[in-house]
Amino acid sequence: MEIKITRNPTGEELEKMGVFDWPVWEKETSKFPWHYDEKETCYILEGEVMVTPKGGKPVSFSKGDLVTFPEGMDCNWDIKKAVSKHYNFG
């Protein structure tokens, strides 16, 4: 299972996906386990995060990145700088 990151997608790409109509999630600096029941795509508005998939290598992303997490993935989140993101499941 792989986390996909698109660094600095264009505003046009984001508009086409409807990213700015998605809900926003915010979280302070913290560490916690997470399981994805379904695919999640998110656009990072602020912050710096490292996510380590179970049995995989850590992946870092930050402001301006579009990130997709696969359905069924177990991972650990390590929020280095408070995060704010638009998100969409499915």
Protein backbone atom coordinates (compact mmCIF):
# COMPACT_ATOMS: atom_id res chain seq x y z
CA MET A 1 0.00 0.00 0.00
CA GLU A 2 1.38 3.30 -1.06
CA ILE A 3 0.78 6.92 -0.06
CA LYS A 4 0.70 9.08 -3.20
CA ILE A 5 1.89 12.69 -3.02
CA THR A 6 1.52 15.37 -5.67
CA ARG A 7 3.77 18.30 -4.74
CA ASN A 8 2.26 21.73 -5.40
CA PRO A 9 -0.59 20.82 -7.78
CA THR A 10 -1.91 23.73 -9.86
CA GLY A 11 -4.94 25.73 -8.79
CA GLU A 12 -6.66 24.46 -11.93
CA GLU A 13 -6.11 20.82 -10.89
CA LEU A 14 -7.44 21.53 -7.40
CA GLU A 15 -10.50 23.39 -8.76
CA LYS A 16 -11.28 20.49 -11.12
CA MET A 17 -11.25 18.08 -8.15
CA GLY A 18 -13.44 20.43 -6.06
CA VAL A 19 -10.84 20.49 -3.27
CA PHE A 20 -11.90 23.88 -1.89
CA ASP A 21 -15.44 22.59 -1.29
CA TRP A 22 -14.18 19.69 0.86
CA PRO A 23 -14.41 19.90 4.68
CA VAL A 24 -11.38 21.07 6.68
CA TRP A 25 -9.71 19.06 9.46
CA GLU A 26 -7.23 20.57 11.92
CA LYS A 27 -5.00 18.93 14.51
CA GLU A 28 -2.28 20.11 16.87
CA THR A 29 1.21 18.65 17.10
CA SER A 30 0.66 15.00 18.12
CA LYS A 31 1.28 11.31 17.36
CA PHE A 32 -1.43 8.70 16.88
CA PRO A 33 -2.26 5.46 15.01
CA TRP A 34 -4.81 5.57 12.17
CA HIS A 35 -6.69 3.12 9.95
CA TYR A 36 -8.21 4.09 6.59
CA ASP A 37 -11.60 2.38 6.09
CA GLU A 38 -11.73 3.99 2.64
CA LYS A 39 -9.46 5.96 0.35
CA GLU A 40 -8.76 9.53 1.50
CA THR A 41 -7.45 12.39 -0.61
CA CYS A 42 -6.38 15.55 1.19
CA TYR A 43 -4.82 18.90 0.38
CA ILE A 44 -2.50 20.31 3.04
CA LEU A 45 -3.22 23.97 3.84
CA GLU A 46 -0.78 24.30 6.75
CA GLY A 47 1.57 22.11 8.75
CA GLU A 48 4.14 19.38 8.47
CA VAL A 49 3.37 15.68 8.86
CA MET A 50 5.21 12.36 8.73
CA VAL A 51 3.09 9.23 8.22
CA THR A 52 4.57 5.74 8.59
CA PRO A 53 2.52 2.93 7.02
CA LYS A 54 2.56 -0.35 8.96
CA GLY A 55 5.58 -2.27 7.65
CA GLY A 56 6.57 0.64 5.40
CA LYS A 57 8.84 3.65 5.20
CA PRO A 58 7.93 7.08 6.62
CA VAL A 59 6.51 9.61 4.16
CA SER A 60 6.64 13.37 4.84
CA PHE A 61 4.37 16.04 3.41
CA SER A 62 3.53 19.65 4.12
CA LYS A 63 1.71 22.79 2.96
CA GLY A 64 0.78 22.66 -0.72
CA ASP A 65 0.87 18.86 -1.07
CA LEU A 66 -2.04 16.75 -2.36
CA VAL A 67 -1.91 13.37 -0.60
CA THR A 68 -3.86 10.14 -1.24
CA PHE A 69 -4.05 7.34 1.33
CA PRO A 70 -5.21 3.88 0.16
CA GLU A 71 -8.23 2.06 1.59
CA GLY A 72 -7.29 -0.46 4.30
CA MET A 73 -3.97 1.14 5.27
CA ASP A 74 -2.84 1.14 8.90
CA CYS A 75 -0.31 3.81 9.80
CA ASN A 76 1.06 6.13 12.45
CA TRP A 77 0.70 9.89 12.13
CA ASP A 78 3.37 12.22 13.53
CA ILE A 79 2.23 15.84 13.21
CA LYS A 80 5.40 17.94 13.51
CA LYS A 81 3.67 21.32 12.95
CA ALA A 82 -0.09 21.80 13.51
CA VAL A 83 -1.96 20.67 10.41
CA SER A 84 -4.95 22.03 8.51
CA LYS A 85 -6.21 20.13 5.46
CA HIS A 86 -9.12 19.79 3.07
CA TYR A 87 -10.14 16.11 2.91
CA ASN A 88 -12.39 13.81 0.92
CA PHE A 89 -13.19 10.12 1.40
CA GLY A 90 -13.98 7.68 -1.39
